Amino acid sequence: MLKSDLINILVVKRGVTQKQAEATIENIFESMKTALCNGENIEIRGLGAFHVKHYDGYQGRNPKTGEVIPVKPKRGILFRTGKELRDRVNRTEDEGGEGGGTPPAPSGA
């Protein structure tokens, strides 16, 4: 799914204009980026959580020459799915519901 798909869903389901939908999605993503850049975690119930992980600096090595190279500390972003989403994605078609699960086995004809 692309950002444009999210915008189209807003237009169709909520009846807002294209510009309003674009502004809404852009504001949401910009707020999320700002929070993550500030080291804040984001938790969206039913979906999951974005966590900022801090990595310490260390002494790395160039594998070709063996030269010691200092690696600066950095931050990375982790996403952990919420239980509700994880269960929904892993639900099989026999259990009902839409999406996720394993595809039906092809019939041997």
Protein backbone atom coordinates (compact mmCIF):
# COMPACT_ATOMS: atom_id res chain seq x y z
CA MET A 1 0.00 0.00 0.00
CA LEU A 2 1.26 3.43 -0.90
CA LYS A 3 0.66 6.83 0.67
CA SER A 4 -1.55 7.67 -2.33
CA ASP A 5 -3.69 4.60 -1.51
CA LEU A 6 -4.23 5.91 2.02
CA ILE A 7 -5.23 9.29 0.60
CA ASN A 8 -7.71 7.65 -1.78
CA ILE A 9 -9.23 5.63 1.06
CA LEU A 10 -9.79 8.83 3.03
CA VAL A 11 -11.42 10.49 0.03
CA VAL A 12 -13.76 7.56 -0.60
CA LYS A 13 -14.64 6.56 2.97
CA ARG A 14 -14.79 9.99 4.61
CA GLY A 15 -15.87 12.12 1.67
CA VAL A 16 -13.14 14.69 2.14
CA THR A 17 -11.45 16.46 -0.74
CA GLN A 18 -8.20 15.19 -2.22
CA LYS A 19 -6.29 18.17 -0.77
CA GLN A 20 -7.77 17.64 2.71
CA ALA A 21 -6.87 13.95 2.61
CA GLU A 22 -3.32 14.71 1.44
CA ALA A 23 -2.88 17.29 4.20
CA THR A 24 -4.22 14.89 6.84
CA ILE A 25 -1.94 12.01 5.84
CA GLU A 26 1.04 14.35 5.49
CA ASN A 27 0.38 15.82 8.99
CA ILE A 28 0.15 12.36 10.53
CA PHE A 29 3.40 11.17 8.94
CA GLU A 30 5.22 14.42 9.70
CA SER A 31 4.16 14.20 13.36
CA MET A 32 5.39 10.61 13.51
CA LYS A 33 8.74 11.56 11.93
CA THR A 34 9.20 14.47 14.34
CA ALA A 35 8.41 12.29 17.36
CA LEU A 36 10.86 9.58 16.26
CA CYS A 37 13.60 12.14 15.52
CA ASN A 38 13.09 13.48 19.05
CA GLY A 39 13.62 9.98 20.45
CA GLU A 40 9.97 9.42 21.35
CA ASN A 41 8.24 6.07 20.90
CA ILE A 42 4.92 5.80 19.05
CA GLU A 43 2.25 3.30 20.06
CA ILE A 44 -0.86 2.74 17.96
CA ARG A 45 -3.28 0.34 19.64
CA GLY A 46 -4.30 -2.53 17.40
CA LEU A 47 -1.38 -1.90 15.02
CA GLY A 48 1.92 -1.84 16.90
CA ALA A 49 4.66 0.37 18.24
CA PHE A 50 7.66 2.18 16.81
CA HIS A 51 10.64 2.27 19.16
CA VAL A 52 13.83 4.28 18.84
CA LYS A 53 16.82 2.10 19.69
CA HIS A 54 20.15 3.63 20.61
CA TYR A 55 23.30 1.84 19.44
CA ASP A 56 26.61 2.62 21.12
CA GLY A 57 29.69 3.40 19.07
CA TYR A 58 32.28 0.67 18.66
CA GLN A 59 35.53 -0.18 16.94
CA GLY A 60 34.79 -1.89 13.63
CA ARG A 61 37.19 -3.45 11.20
CA ASN A 62 37.60 -3.15 7.44
CA PRO A 63 37.31 -6.82 6.39
CA LYS A 64 39.59 -6.31 3.39
CA THR A 65 42.51 -4.55 5.09
CA GLY A 66 41.90 -5.34 8.77
CA GLU A 67 42.15 -1.61 9.54
CA VAL A 68 40.34 -0.52 12.73
CA ILE A 69 37.54 1.94 11.98
CA PRO A 70 35.60 3.80 14.66
CA VAL A 71 31.83 3.46 14.21
CA LYS A 72 29.83 6.37 15.61
CA PRO A 73 26.84 5.86 17.93
CA LYS A 74 23.55 5.84 16.07
CA ARG A 75 19.83 5.35 16.47
CA GLY A 76 17.59 2.92 14.63
CA ILE A 77 13.85 2.41 14.50
CA LEU A 78 12.17 -0.85 15.40
CA PHE A 79 8.54 -1.74 14.72
CA ARG A 80 6.82 -4.35 16.83
CA THR A 81 3.37 -5.48 15.78
CA GLY A 82 0.55 -5.46 18.28
CA LYS A 83 -1.08 -8.75 19.28
CA GLU A 84 -4.32 -7.91 17.48
CA LEU A 85 -2.58 -7.31 14.14
CA ARG A 86 -0.26 -10.28 14.54
CA ASP A 87 -3.23 -12.57 15.26
CA ARG A 88 -5.18 -11.16 12.32
CA VAL A 89 -2.29 -11.66 9.90
CA ASN A 90 -1.75 -15.23 11.12
CA ARG A 91 -5.44 -16.20 11.09
CA THR A 92 -6.23 -18.93 8.57
CA GLU A 93 -9.14 -18.71 6.14
CA ASP A 94 -10.90 -21.53 8.01
CA GLU A 95 -11.09 -19.25 11.05
CA GLY A 96 -12.94 -16.59 9.04
CA GLY A 97 -12.19 -12.94 8.62
CA GLU A 98 -10.43 -11.25 5.76
CA GLY A 99 -6.80 -11.06 4.82
CA GLY A 100 -3.76 -12.86 6.11
CA GLY A 101 -3.36 -16.52 6.73
CA THR A 102 -2.08 -19.11 4.31
CA PRO A 103 -3.34 -19.23 0.73
CA PRO A 104 -5.49 -22.21 -0.21
CA ALA A 105 -3.57 -25.22 -1.54
CA PRO A 106 -3.85 -25.72 -5.31
CA SER A 107 -6.02 -28.64 -6.35
CA GLY A 108 -4.15 -31.43 -8.06
CA ALA A 109 -6.05 -31.85 -11.32
